[in-house]
């Protein structure tokens, strides 16, 4: 008996990028940015289900189950629960025997969406939890510094004595962003951890 085949956790490659860009073009045609972002959210939800449920992950990636039977199951599971575009894309991947490759395709799609809309996701690490006002101030200052729409993910790192650390996905880092983040981080780290909002307000002249 064949052993279960988990979804691929490979990094996005040229093939994943081809599927991602095709989907991006389709979503753009079918409604622009709202449709693109909704499609990304739905695909990420499908991946999350697969991560939490090994049976569903095996269902997506199984080499034993025929594509016709899986297509019927996909329609039964997702019809009226996701958009017709998302369902159609899943059915295309199924027909091409690429559903097991869904994770790197979605990662590539996410990267393309971020690049398309000038958005960058940044993990922000501080020694103590940030208040909502502090988080908003960090996001606004980062957006001003990087000239991009910023999505901030705050984390508390108990090993830090003070200051702040930034991390952004490698696929979104370029020299200009890295340099500006490094300068911003150094300015914040030299001022200690007290009164975070006041530091943030002063860190960019």
N, C-alpha and C. Protein backbone atom coordinates (compact mmCIF):
# COMPACT_ATOMS: atom_id res chain seq x y z
N UNK A 1 0.84 -1.20 0.00
CA UNK A 1 0.00 0.00 0.00
C UNK A 1 0.88 1.25 0.00
N UNK A 2 0.50 2.24 -0.83
CA UNK A 2 1.26 3.49 -0.86
C UNK A 2 1.09 4.22 0.46
N UNK A 3 2.18 4.83 0.94
CA UNK A 3 2.09 5.63 2.16
C UNK A 3 1.48 6.97 1.83
N UNK A 4 0.83 7.62 2.81
CA UNK A 4 0.21 8.92 2.55
C UNK A 4 1.22 9.93 2.03
N UNK A 5 0.80 10.75 1.10
CA UNK A 5 1.67 11.78 0.54
C UNK A 5 1.25 13.13 1.10
N UNK A 6 2.07 13.73 1.96
CA UNK A 6 1.72 15.04 2.50
C UNK A 6 1.84 16.11 1.43
N UNK A 7 1.18 17.23 1.67
CA UNK A 7 1.34 18.36 0.77
C UNK A 7 2.80 18.78 0.74
N UNK A 8 3.24 19.18 -0.44
CA UNK A 8 4.62 19.65 -0.57
C UNK A 8 4.82 20.93 0.23
N UNK A 9 5.97 21.00 0.93
CA UNK A 9 6.31 22.24 1.63
C UNK A 9 7.51 22.90 0.96
N UNK A 10 7.70 22.59 -0.34
CA UNK A 10 8.81 23.16 -1.09
C UNK A 10 8.65 24.67 -1.21
N UNK A 11 9.77 25.34 -1.41
CA UNK A 11 9.73 26.77 -1.64
C UNK A 11 9.18 27.06 -3.04
N UNK A 12 8.54 28.21 -3.21
CA UNK A 12 8.02 28.55 -4.54
C UNK A 12 9.12 28.51 -5.60
N UNK A 13 8.80 27.92 -6.74
CA UNK A 13 9.75 27.86 -7.84
C UNK A 13 9.10 28.40 -9.10
N UNK A 14 9.74 28.17 -10.25
CA UNK A 14 9.24 28.73 -11.51
C UNK A 14 7.84 28.22 -11.84
N UNK A 15 7.59 26.94 -11.56
CA UNK A 15 6.27 26.38 -11.85
C UNK A 15 5.20 27.00 -10.97
N UNK A 16 5.50 27.13 -9.67
CA UNK A 16 4.55 27.76 -8.76
C UNK A 16 4.26 29.19 -9.19
N UNK A 17 5.27 29.87 -9.67
CA UNK A 17 5.11 31.26 -10.10
C UNK A 17 4.22 31.36 -11.33
N UNK A 18 4.31 30.39 -12.24
CA UNK A 18 3.46 30.38 -13.43
C UNK A 18 1.99 30.29 -13.02
N UNK A 19 1.68 29.34 -12.13
CA UNK A 19 0.30 29.20 -11.66
C UNK A 19 -0.15 30.44 -10.91
N UNK A 20 0.73 30.99 -10.06
CA UNK A 20 0.38 32.16 -9.25
C UNK A 20 0.06 33.36 -10.14
N UNK A 21 0.88 33.58 -11.16
CA UNK A 21 0.65 34.74 -12.03
C UNK A 21 -0.59 34.56 -12.88
N UNK A 22 -0.86 33.32 -13.29
CA UNK A 22 -2.08 33.06 -14.05
C UNK A 22 -3.31 33.35 -13.20
N UNK A 23 -3.27 32.91 -11.94
CA UNK A 23 -4.39 33.17 -11.03
C UNK A 23 -4.53 34.66 -10.76
N UNK A 24 -3.42 35.35 -10.60
CA UNK A 24 -3.46 36.79 -10.36
C UNK A 24 -4.13 37.52 -11.52
N UNK A 25 -3.79 37.14 -12.73
CA UNK A 25 -4.40 37.76 -13.90
C UNK A 25 -5.90 37.47 -13.95
N UNK A 26 -6.28 36.23 -13.65
CA UNK A 26 -7.70 35.88 -13.65
C UNK A 26 -8.48 36.67 -12.60
N UNK A 27 -7.91 36.75 -11.41
CA UNK A 27 -8.58 37.47 -10.33
C UNK A 27 -8.68 38.96 -10.65
N UNK A 28 -7.64 39.50 -11.27
CA UNK A 28 -7.68 40.91 -11.67
C UNK A 28 -8.81 41.14 -12.65
N UNK A 29 -8.98 40.24 -13.60
CA UNK A 29 -10.04 40.35 -14.60
C UNK A 29 -11.42 40.23 -13.98
N UNK A 30 -11.52 39.40 -12.93
CA UNK A 30 -12.83 39.11 -12.33
C UNK A 30 -13.22 40.06 -11.20
N UNK A 31 -12.44 41.10 -10.96
CA UNK A 31 -12.87 42.01 -9.90
C UNK A 31 -11.78 42.85 -9.28
N UNK A 32 -10.55 42.73 -9.78
CA UNK A 32 -9.48 43.57 -9.27
C UNK A 32 -9.01 43.21 -7.88
N UNK A 33 -8.55 44.21 -7.18
CA UNK A 33 -7.91 43.97 -5.88
C UNK A 33 -8.79 43.24 -4.88
N UNK A 34 -10.08 43.61 -4.71
CA UNK A 34 -10.90 42.86 -3.74
C UNK A 34 -10.97 41.38 -4.05
N UNK A 35 -11.10 41.03 -5.33
CA UNK A 35 -11.17 39.63 -5.72
C UNK A 35 -9.83 38.94 -5.50
N UNK A 36 -8.75 39.63 -5.82
CA UNK A 36 -7.41 39.06 -5.62
C UNK A 36 -7.19 38.73 -4.15
N UNK A 37 -7.50 39.69 -3.27
CA UNK A 37 -7.25 39.47 -1.85
C UNK A 37 -8.20 38.43 -1.27
N UNK A 38 -9.45 38.41 -1.76
CA UNK A 38 -10.39 37.40 -1.29
C UNK A 38 -9.94 36.00 -1.71
N UNK A 39 -9.44 35.88 -2.93
CA UNK A 39 -8.96 34.60 -3.43
C UNK A 39 -7.76 34.12 -2.61
N UNK A 40 -6.85 35.03 -2.31
CA UNK A 40 -5.70 34.67 -1.48
C UNK A 40 -6.16 34.18 -0.12
N UNK A 41 -7.12 34.87 0.49
CA UNK A 41 -7.61 34.47 1.79
C UNK A 41 -8.25 33.09 1.76
N UNK A 42 -9.01 32.81 0.71
CA UNK A 42 -9.67 31.51 0.61
C UNK A 42 -8.65 30.38 0.43
N UNK A 43 -7.65 30.61 -0.39
CA UNK A 43 -6.63 29.59 -0.60
C UNK A 43 -5.82 29.36 0.68
N UNK A 44 -5.55 30.42 1.41
CA UNK A 44 -4.84 30.25 2.69
C UNK A 44 -5.70 29.47 3.68
N UNK A 45 -7.02 29.68 3.64
CA UNK A 45 -7.92 28.91 4.50
C UNK A 45 -7.89 27.43 4.14
N UNK A 46 -7.86 27.13 2.85
CA UNK A 46 -7.79 25.73 2.41
C UNK A 46 -6.50 25.08 2.92
N UNK A 47 -5.40 25.82 2.80
CA UNK A 47 -4.12 25.30 3.30
C UNK A 47 -4.16 25.08 4.80
N UNK A 48 -4.78 25.99 5.52
CA UNK A 48 -4.85 25.86 6.98
C UNK A 48 -5.64 24.61 7.36
N UNK A 49 -6.72 24.33 6.64
CA UNK A 49 -7.48 23.11 6.90
C UNK A 49 -6.59 21.89 6.67
N UNK A 50 -5.82 21.92 5.59
CA UNK A 50 -4.93 20.80 5.28
C UNK A 50 -3.86 20.61 6.35
N UNK A 51 -3.37 21.72 6.90
CA UNK A 51 -2.35 21.61 7.95
C UNK A 51 -2.92 21.03 9.23
N UNK A 52 -4.17 21.32 9.51
CA UNK A 52 -4.79 20.86 10.75
C UNK A 52 -5.39 19.47 10.62
N UNK A 53 -5.70 19.04 9.41
CA UNK A 53 -6.37 17.76 9.21
C UNK A 53 -5.56 16.89 8.24
N UNK A 54 -4.79 15.92 8.76
CA UNK A 54 -3.96 15.07 7.90
C UNK A 54 -4.76 14.33 6.84
N UNK A 55 -6.01 14.01 7.15
CA UNK A 55 -6.84 13.29 6.17
C UNK A 55 -7.13 14.17 4.98
N UNK A 56 -7.40 15.44 5.23
CA UNK A 56 -7.67 16.35 4.13
C UNK A 56 -6.39 16.60 3.33
N UNK A 57 -5.27 16.71 4.02
CA UNK A 57 -3.99 16.88 3.33
C UNK A 57 -3.71 15.70 2.41
N UNK A 58 -3.97 14.49 2.92
CA UNK A 58 -3.77 13.30 2.10
C UNK A 58 -4.74 13.27 0.92
N UNK A 59 -5.96 13.70 1.16
CA UNK A 59 -6.96 13.77 0.09
C UNK A 59 -6.47 14.65 -1.05
N UNK A 60 -5.86 15.80 -0.72
CA UNK A 60 -5.39 16.71 -1.75
C UNK A 60 -4.19 16.15 -2.52
N UNK A 61 -3.33 15.44 -1.83
CA UNK A 61 -2.05 15.04 -2.43
C UNK A 61 -1.99 13.57 -2.86
N UNK A 62 -3.01 12.79 -2.56
CA UNK A 62 -2.97 11.35 -2.84
C UNK A 62 -2.78 11.05 -4.33
N UNK A 63 -1.91 10.10 -4.59
CA UNK A 63 -1.70 9.64 -5.97
C UNK A 63 -2.62 8.47 -6.30
N UNK A 64 -3.32 7.97 -5.31
CA UNK A 64 -4.21 6.83 -5.51
C UNK A 64 -5.58 7.28 -5.99
N UNK A 65 -6.08 8.37 -5.39
CA UNK A 65 -7.41 8.86 -5.72
C UNK A 65 -7.41 9.45 -7.13
N UNK A 66 -8.36 9.06 -7.96
CA UNK A 66 -8.45 9.56 -9.32
C UNK A 66 -8.88 11.01 -9.36
N UNK A 67 -8.46 11.72 -10.40
CA UNK A 67 -8.77 13.14 -10.48
C UNK A 67 -10.28 13.39 -10.62
N UNK A 68 -10.98 12.49 -11.31
CA UNK A 68 -12.43 12.68 -11.48
C UNK A 68 -13.16 12.55 -10.15
N UNK A 69 -12.79 11.54 -9.36
CA UNK A 69 -13.42 11.37 -8.05
C UNK A 69 -13.08 12.54 -7.13
N UNK A 70 -11.83 12.98 -7.18
CA UNK A 70 -11.43 14.10 -6.32
C UNK A 70 -12.14 15.38 -6.75
N UNK A 71 -12.34 15.56 -8.04
CA UNK A 71 -13.05 16.76 -8.51
C UNK A 71 -14.47 16.80 -7.95
N UNK A 72 -15.14 15.64 -7.96
CA UNK A 72 -16.49 15.60 -7.40
C UNK A 72 -16.48 15.94 -5.91
N UNK A 73 -15.49 15.45 -5.20
CA UNK A 73 -15.39 15.72 -3.77
C UNK A 73 -15.08 17.20 -3.52
N UNK A 74 -14.20 17.77 -4.33
CA UNK A 74 -13.86 19.18 -4.19
C UNK A 74 -15.10 20.05 -4.38
N UNK A 75 -15.90 19.72 -5.37
CA UNK A 75 -17.12 20.48 -5.60
C UNK A 75 -18.10 20.33 -4.44
N UNK A 76 -18.21 19.12 -3.91
CA UNK A 76 -19.12 18.89 -2.78
C UNK A 76 -18.65 19.64 -1.54
N UNK A 77 -17.35 19.71 -1.34
CA UNK A 77 -16.80 20.35 -0.14
C UNK A 77 -16.88 21.87 -0.23
N UNK A 78 -16.50 22.43 -1.39
CA UNK A 78 -16.26 23.87 -1.48
C UNK A 78 -17.30 24.67 -2.23
N UNK A 79 -18.19 24.02 -2.97
CA UNK A 79 -19.19 24.79 -3.71
C UNK A 79 -20.06 25.60 -2.74
N UNK A 80 -20.22 26.88 -3.04
CA UNK A 80 -20.97 27.82 -2.20
C UNK A 80 -20.25 28.14 -0.88
N UNK A 81 -19.03 27.65 -0.72
CA UNK A 81 -18.23 27.98 0.47
C UNK A 81 -17.02 28.84 0.11
N UNK A 82 -16.58 28.74 -1.13
CA UNK A 82 -15.54 29.62 -1.65
C UNK A 82 -16.05 30.20 -2.97
N UNK A 83 -15.36 31.18 -3.49
CA UNK A 83 -15.78 31.79 -4.74
C UNK A 83 -15.64 30.80 -5.89
N UNK A 84 -16.38 31.06 -6.96
CA UNK A 84 -16.28 30.19 -8.14
C UNK A 84 -14.87 30.21 -8.71
N UNK A 85 -14.18 31.35 -8.59
CA UNK A 85 -12.80 31.45 -9.09
C UNK A 85 -11.86 30.53 -8.31
N UNK A 86 -11.97 30.57 -6.99
CA UNK A 86 -11.12 29.73 -6.17
C UNK A 86 -11.40 28.25 -6.43
N UNK A 87 -12.67 27.88 -6.50
CA UNK A 87 -13.02 26.49 -6.77
C UNK A 87 -12.52 26.06 -8.14
N UNK A 88 -12.68 26.92 -9.11
CA UNK A 88 -12.21 26.59 -10.46
C UNK A 88 -10.70 26.39 -10.48
N UNK A 89 -9.98 27.20 -9.72
CA UNK A 89 -8.52 27.06 -9.66
C UNK A 89 -8.13 25.73 -9.01
N UNK A 90 -8.82 25.37 -7.94
CA UNK A 90 -8.55 24.08 -7.30
C UNK A 90 -8.82 22.92 -8.26
N UNK A 91 -9.86 23.04 -9.04
CA UNK A 91 -10.20 21.99 -10.00
C UNK A 91 -9.15 21.91 -11.11
N UNK A 92 -8.63 23.05 -11.52
CA UNK A 92 -7.55 23.05 -12.52
C UNK A 92 -6.31 22.36 -11.96
N UNK A 93 -5.94 22.70 -10.72
CA UNK A 93 -4.77 22.05 -10.11
C UNK A 93 -5.00 20.55 -9.99
N UNK A 94 -6.22 20.17 -9.66
CA UNK A 94 -6.53 18.75 -9.57
C UNK A 94 -6.36 18.07 -10.93
N UNK A 95 -6.89 18.70 -11.97
CA UNK A 95 -6.81 18.12 -13.32
C UNK A 95 -5.36 17.99 -13.78
N UNK A 96 -4.51 18.93 -13.34
CA UNK A 96 -3.10 18.90 -13.70
C UNK A 96 -2.25 18.09 -12.72
N UNK A 97 -2.92 17.45 -11.75
CA UNK A 97 -2.22 16.67 -10.70
C UNK A 97 -1.25 17.54 -9.93
N UNK A 98 -1.67 18.77 -9.61
CA UNK A 98 -0.81 19.72 -8.90
C UNK A 98 -1.38 20.13 -7.54
N UNK A 99 -2.44 19.49 -7.09
CA UNK A 99 -3.01 19.89 -5.80
C UNK A 99 -2.03 19.66 -4.65
N UNK A 100 -1.22 18.62 -4.74
CA UNK A 100 -0.23 18.38 -3.70
C UNK A 100 0.83 19.47 -3.64
N UNK A 101 0.85 20.31 -4.66
CA UNK A 101 1.81 21.40 -4.78
C UNK A 101 1.18 22.73 -4.39
N UNK A 102 0.03 22.65 -3.71
CA UNK A 102 -0.74 23.86 -3.42
C UNK A 102 0.02 24.86 -2.55
N UNK A 103 0.77 24.38 -1.57
CA UNK A 103 1.44 25.28 -0.63
C UNK A 103 2.42 26.23 -1.32
N UNK A 104 3.37 25.73 -2.13
CA UNK A 104 4.27 26.68 -2.80
C UNK A 104 3.56 27.57 -3.81
N UNK A 105 2.47 27.08 -4.41
CA UNK A 105 1.72 27.91 -5.34
C UNK A 105 1.07 29.08 -4.60
N UNK A 106 0.47 28.79 -3.44
CA UNK A 106 -0.16 29.85 -2.65
C UNK A 106 0.91 30.82 -2.14
N UNK A 107 2.07 30.30 -1.74
CA UNK A 107 3.16 31.18 -1.29
C UNK A 107 3.60 32.11 -2.41
N UNK A 108 3.70 31.58 -3.63
CA UNK A 108 4.07 32.40 -4.77
C UNK A 108 2.99 33.43 -5.07
N UNK A 109 1.73 33.02 -4.96
CA UNK A 109 0.62 33.93 -5.19
C UNK A 109 0.64 35.07 -4.17
N UNK A 110 0.87 34.72 -2.91
CA UNK A 110 0.95 35.73 -1.86
C UNK A 110 2.07 36.74 -2.16
N UNK A 111 3.22 36.23 -2.59
CA UNK A 111 4.34 37.11 -2.91
C UNK A 111 3.99 38.04 -4.06
N UNK A 112 3.30 37.51 -5.07
CA UNK A 112 2.91 38.33 -6.21
C UNK A 112 1.89 39.40 -5.80
N UNK A 113 0.97 39.03 -4.91
CA UNK A 113 -0.02 40.00 -4.43
C UNK A 113 0.67 41.13 -3.68
N UNK A 114 1.62 40.77 -2.80
CA UNK A 114 2.33 41.80 -2.04
C UNK A 114 3.07 42.74 -2.98
N UNK A 115 3.72 42.16 -3.99
CA UNK A 115 4.47 43.00 -4.92
C UNK A 115 3.53 43.88 -5.75
N UNK A 116 2.39 43.33 -6.14
CA UNK A 116 1.45 44.07 -6.98
C UNK A 116 0.93 45.32 -6.28
N UNK A 117 0.66 45.21 -4.99
CA UNK A 117 0.03 46.31 -4.28
C UNK A 117 1.00 47.10 -3.40
N UNK A 118 2.29 46.86 -3.59
CA UNK A 118 3.27 47.62 -2.83
C UNK A 118 3.15 47.43 -1.34
N UNK A 119 2.83 46.20 -0.94
CA UNK A 119 2.61 45.90 0.47
C UNK A 119 3.72 45.01 0.99
N UNK A 120 4.09 45.22 2.23
CA UNK A 120 5.12 44.39 2.85
C UNK A 120 4.65 43.97 4.24
N UNK A 121 4.87 42.71 4.57
CA UNK A 121 4.52 42.20 5.90
C UNK A 121 5.78 42.15 6.75
N UNK A 122 5.70 42.71 7.94
CA UNK A 122 6.87 42.84 8.81
C UNK A 122 6.55 42.26 10.19
N UNK A 123 7.42 41.37 10.66
CA UNK A 123 7.33 40.88 12.03
C UNK A 123 8.11 41.84 12.92
N UNK A 124 7.46 42.32 13.96
CA UNK A 124 8.09 43.27 14.88
C UNK A 124 8.22 42.61 16.25
N UNK A 125 9.44 42.52 16.76
CA UNK A 125 9.72 41.87 18.05
C UNK A 125 10.11 42.92 19.07
N UNK A 126 9.45 42.89 20.22
CA UNK A 126 9.80 43.78 21.33
C UNK A 126 9.86 42.96 22.62
N UNK A 127 10.52 43.52 23.63
CA UNK A 127 10.66 42.81 24.90
C UNK A 127 9.32 42.69 25.62
N UNK A 128 8.49 43.70 25.50
CA UNK A 128 7.19 43.73 26.16
C UNK A 128 6.09 43.90 25.11
N UNK A 129 4.89 43.41 25.39
CA UNK A 129 3.79 43.56 24.43
C UNK A 129 3.52 45.03 24.14
N UNK A 130 3.19 45.31 22.88
CA UNK A 130 2.86 46.67 22.49
C UNK A 130 1.36 46.91 22.62
N UNK A 131 1.02 48.11 23.01
CA UNK A 131 -0.39 48.49 23.06
C UNK A 131 -0.89 48.71 21.63
N UNK A 132 -2.19 48.84 21.49
CA UNK A 132 -2.77 49.09 20.17
C UNK A 132 -2.25 50.40 19.59
N UNK A 133 -2.11 51.41 20.45
CA UNK A 133 -1.61 52.70 19.97
C UNK A 133 -0.16 52.60 19.52
N UNK A 134 0.65 51.86 20.29
CA UNK A 134 2.06 51.66 19.92
C UNK A 134 2.16 50.92 18.59
N UNK A 135 1.35 49.90 18.43
CA UNK A 135 1.37 49.10 17.21
C UNK A 135 0.99 49.95 16.00
N UNK A 136 -0.02 50.78 16.20
CA UNK A 136 -0.46 51.67 15.12
C UNK A 136 0.65 52.67 14.76
N UNK A 137 1.34 53.17 15.77
CA UNK A 137 2.42 54.12 15.53
C UNK A 137 3.57 53.46 14.78
N UNK A 138 3.91 52.22 15.17
CA UNK A 138 4.97 51.48 14.47
C UNK A 138 4.59 51.27 13.01
N UNK A 139 3.36 50.84 12.77
CA UNK A 139 2.93 50.59 11.40
C UNK A 139 2.98 51.86 10.55
N UNK A 140 2.50 52.96 11.12
CA UNK A 140 2.47 54.21 10.37
C UNK A 140 3.88 54.70 10.05
N UNK A 141 4.79 54.57 11.02
CA UNK A 141 6.16 55.02 10.79
C UNK A 141 6.88 54.13 9.79
N UNK A 142 6.64 52.84 9.87
CA UNK A 142 7.24 51.92 8.89
C UNK A 142 6.73 52.24 7.49
N UNK A 143 5.44 52.50 7.37
CA UNK A 143 4.87 52.82 6.07
C UNK A 143 5.49 54.08 5.50
N UNK A 144 5.71 55.07 6.37
CA UNK A 144 6.34 56.32 5.93
C UNK A 144 7.78 56.09 5.50
N UNK A 145 8.49 55.26 6.27
CA UNK A 145 9.90 55.00 5.99
C UNK A 145 10.08 54.19 4.71
N UNK A 146 9.24 53.16 4.52
CA UNK A 146 9.42 52.22 3.41
C UNK A 146 8.64 52.61 2.16
N UNK A 147 7.74 53.58 2.31
CA UNK A 147 6.89 54.00 1.18
C UNK A 147 6.08 52.83 0.64
N UNK A 148 5.59 52.00 1.54
CA UNK A 148 4.78 50.85 1.19
C UNK A 148 3.64 50.70 2.19
N UNK A 149 2.60 49.98 1.76
CA UNK A 149 1.56 49.58 2.71
C UNK A 149 2.15 48.50 3.61
N UNK A 150 2.07 48.67 4.92
CA UNK A 150 2.73 47.76 5.86
C UNK A 150 1.70 46.99 6.67
N UNK A 151 1.88 45.68 6.74
CA UNK A 151 1.11 44.83 7.63
C UNK A 151 2.05 44.38 8.73
N UNK A 152 1.76 44.75 9.97
CA UNK A 152 2.66 44.46 11.09
C UNK A 152 2.15 43.26 11.88
N UNK A 153 3.06 42.34 12.16
CA UNK A 153 2.76 41.19 13.02
C UNK A 153 3.61 41.34 14.29
N UNK A 154 3.00 41.70 15.43
CA UNK A 154 3.79 41.94 16.64
C UNK A 154 4.08 40.65 17.40
N UNK A 155 5.29 40.55 17.92
CA UNK A 155 5.69 39.40 18.73
C UNK A 155 6.45 39.90 19.95
N UNK A 156 6.32 39.17 21.04
CA UNK A 156 7.08 39.48 22.26
C UNK A 156 8.20 38.47 22.39
N UNK A 157 9.41 38.97 22.56
CA UNK A 157 10.59 38.12 22.71
C UNK A 157 11.16 38.35 24.11
N UNK A 158 10.93 37.38 25.01
CA UNK A 158 11.39 37.53 26.39
C UNK A 158 12.89 37.59 26.55
N UNK A 159 13.62 37.14 25.52
CA UNK A 159 15.09 37.17 25.61
C UNK A 159 15.65 38.56 25.33
N UNK A 160 14.81 39.45 24.82
CA UNK A 160 15.28 40.81 24.53
C UNK A 160 15.24 41.66 25.80
N UNK A 161 16.26 42.46 25.97
CA UNK A 161 16.31 43.38 27.11
C UNK A 161 15.54 44.65 26.79
N UNK A 162 15.62 45.07 25.56
CA UNK A 162 14.93 46.27 25.13
C UNK A 162 15.06 46.41 23.63
N UNK A 163 14.63 47.55 23.11
CA UNK A 163 14.76 47.79 21.68
C UNK A 163 13.71 47.07 20.87
N UNK A 164 13.99 46.94 19.59
CA UNK A 164 13.04 46.34 18.67
C UNK A 164 13.80 45.63 17.56
N UNK A 165 13.23 44.54 17.06
CA UNK A 165 13.80 43.83 15.92
C UNK A 165 12.74 43.71 14.84
N UNK A 166 13.17 43.78 13.58
CA UNK A 166 12.28 43.62 12.45
C UNK A 166 12.69 42.39 11.64
N UNK A 167 11.70 41.73 11.08
CA UNK A 167 11.99 40.64 10.14
C UNK A 167 10.94 40.65 9.05
N UNK A 168 11.39 40.59 7.80
CA UNK A 168 10.46 40.49 6.69
C UNK A 168 10.89 39.32 5.82
N UNK A 169 9.92 38.70 5.13
CA UNK A 169 10.21 37.53 4.32
C UNK A 169 11.28 37.83 3.29
N UNK A 170 12.16 36.86 3.05
CA UNK A 170 13.28 37.06 2.14
C UNK A 170 12.83 37.51 0.75
N UNK A 171 11.69 37.01 0.32
CA UNK A 171 11.25 37.33 -1.03
C UNK A 171 10.84 38.78 -1.17
N UNK A 172 10.66 39.49 -0.03
CA UNK A 172 10.22 40.88 -0.09
C UNK A 172 11.34 41.86 0.25
N UNK A 173 12.50 41.35 0.61
CA UNK A 173 13.59 42.22 1.03
C UNK A 173 14.37 42.69 -0.18
N UNK A 174 14.62 43.97 -0.29
CA UNK A 174 15.58 44.48 -1.26
C UNK A 174 16.55 45.39 -0.50
N UNK A 175 17.61 45.80 -1.17
CA UNK A 175 18.66 46.54 -0.47
C UNK A 175 18.14 47.81 0.16
N UNK A 176 17.26 48.53 -0.55
CA UNK A 176 16.79 49.81 -0.02
C UNK A 176 15.95 49.60 1.23
N UNK A 177 15.05 48.59 1.20
CA UNK A 177 14.23 48.31 2.37
C UNK A 177 15.09 47.85 3.53
N UNK A 178 16.03 46.95 3.25
CA UNK A 178 16.89 46.42 4.32
C UNK A 178 17.68 47.53 4.98
N UNK A 179 18.20 48.46 4.17
CA UNK A 179 18.99 49.57 4.72
C UNK A 179 18.13 50.48 5.59
N UNK A 180 16.95 50.82 5.10
CA UNK A 180 16.08 51.72 5.87
C UNK A 180 15.61 51.06 7.16
N UNK A 181 15.32 49.76 7.10
CA UNK A 181 14.92 49.06 8.31
C UNK A 181 16.07 49.00 9.31
N UNK A 182 17.28 48.76 8.83
CA UNK A 182 18.43 48.68 9.73
C UNK A 182 18.65 50.02 10.44
N UNK A 183 18.54 51.11 9.70
CA UNK A 183 18.71 52.43 10.32
C UNK A 183 17.60 52.69 11.34
N UNK A 184 16.38 52.33 10.97
CA UNK A 184 15.25 52.55 11.87
C UNK A 184 15.41 51.72 13.15
N UNK A 185 15.83 50.47 12.97
CA UNK A 185 16.03 49.59 14.12
C UNK A 185 17.12 50.13 15.04
N UNK A 186 18.23 50.58 14.45
CA UNK A 186 19.33 51.11 15.26
C UNK A 186 18.89 52.33 16.04
N UNK A 187 18.09 53.19 15.42
CA UNK A 187 17.62 54.38 16.12
C UNK A 187 16.76 53.98 17.32
N UNK A 188 15.91 52.97 17.12
CA UNK A 188 15.04 52.55 18.21
C UNK A 188 15.83 51.85 19.31
N UNK A 189 16.79 51.00 18.91
CA UNK A 189 17.53 50.23 19.90
C UNK A 189 18.41 51.10 20.79
N UNK A 190 18.85 52.24 20.29
CA UNK A 190 19.72 53.09 21.09
C UNK A 190 18.96 53.91 22.12
N UNK A 191 17.65 53.85 22.07
CA UNK A 191 16.85 54.68 22.97
C UNK A 191 16.24 53.89 24.12
N UNK A 192 16.55 52.58 24.21
CA UNK A 192 15.98 51.79 25.30
C UNK A 192 14.56 51.39 25.02
N UNK A 193 13.90 50.78 26.00
CA UNK A 193 12.57 50.22 25.76
C UNK A 193 11.44 51.03 26.39
N UNK A 194 11.76 52.06 27.17
CA UNK A 194 10.70 52.83 27.83
C UNK A 194 10.06 53.81 26.86
N UNK A 195 8.79 54.08 27.11
CA UNK A 195 8.04 55.07 26.35
C UNK A 195 8.17 54.84 24.85
N UNK A 196 7.74 53.67 24.43
CA UNK A 196 7.94 53.25 23.04
C UNK A 196 7.33 54.23 22.05
N UNK A 197 6.14 54.70 22.33
CA UNK A 197 5.49 55.56 21.36
C UNK A 197 6.27 56.86 21.16
N UNK A 198 6.80 57.40 22.23
CA UNK A 198 7.58 58.63 22.11
C UNK A 198 8.83 58.41 21.27
N UNK A 199 9.48 57.27 21.46
CA UNK A 199 10.66 56.95 20.65
C UNK A 199 10.29 56.87 19.18
N UNK A 200 9.18 56.20 18.92
CA UNK A 200 8.77 56.00 17.52
C UNK A 200 8.50 57.34 16.87
N UNK A 201 7.86 58.24 17.61
CA UNK A 201 7.54 59.54 17.04
C UNK A 201 8.81 60.34 16.71
N UNK A 202 9.91 60.03 17.40
CA UNK A 202 11.16 60.79 17.17
C UNK A 202 12.11 60.11 16.21
N UNK A 203 11.83 58.85 15.84
CA UNK A 203 12.88 58.08 15.17
C UNK A 203 13.04 58.46 13.70
N UNK A 204 12.06 59.16 13.15
CA UNK A 204 12.18 59.63 11.77
C UNK A 204 12.01 61.15 11.78
N UNK A 205 12.99 61.81 11.30
CA UNK A 205 12.95 63.27 11.35
C UNK A 205 11.95 63.87 10.38
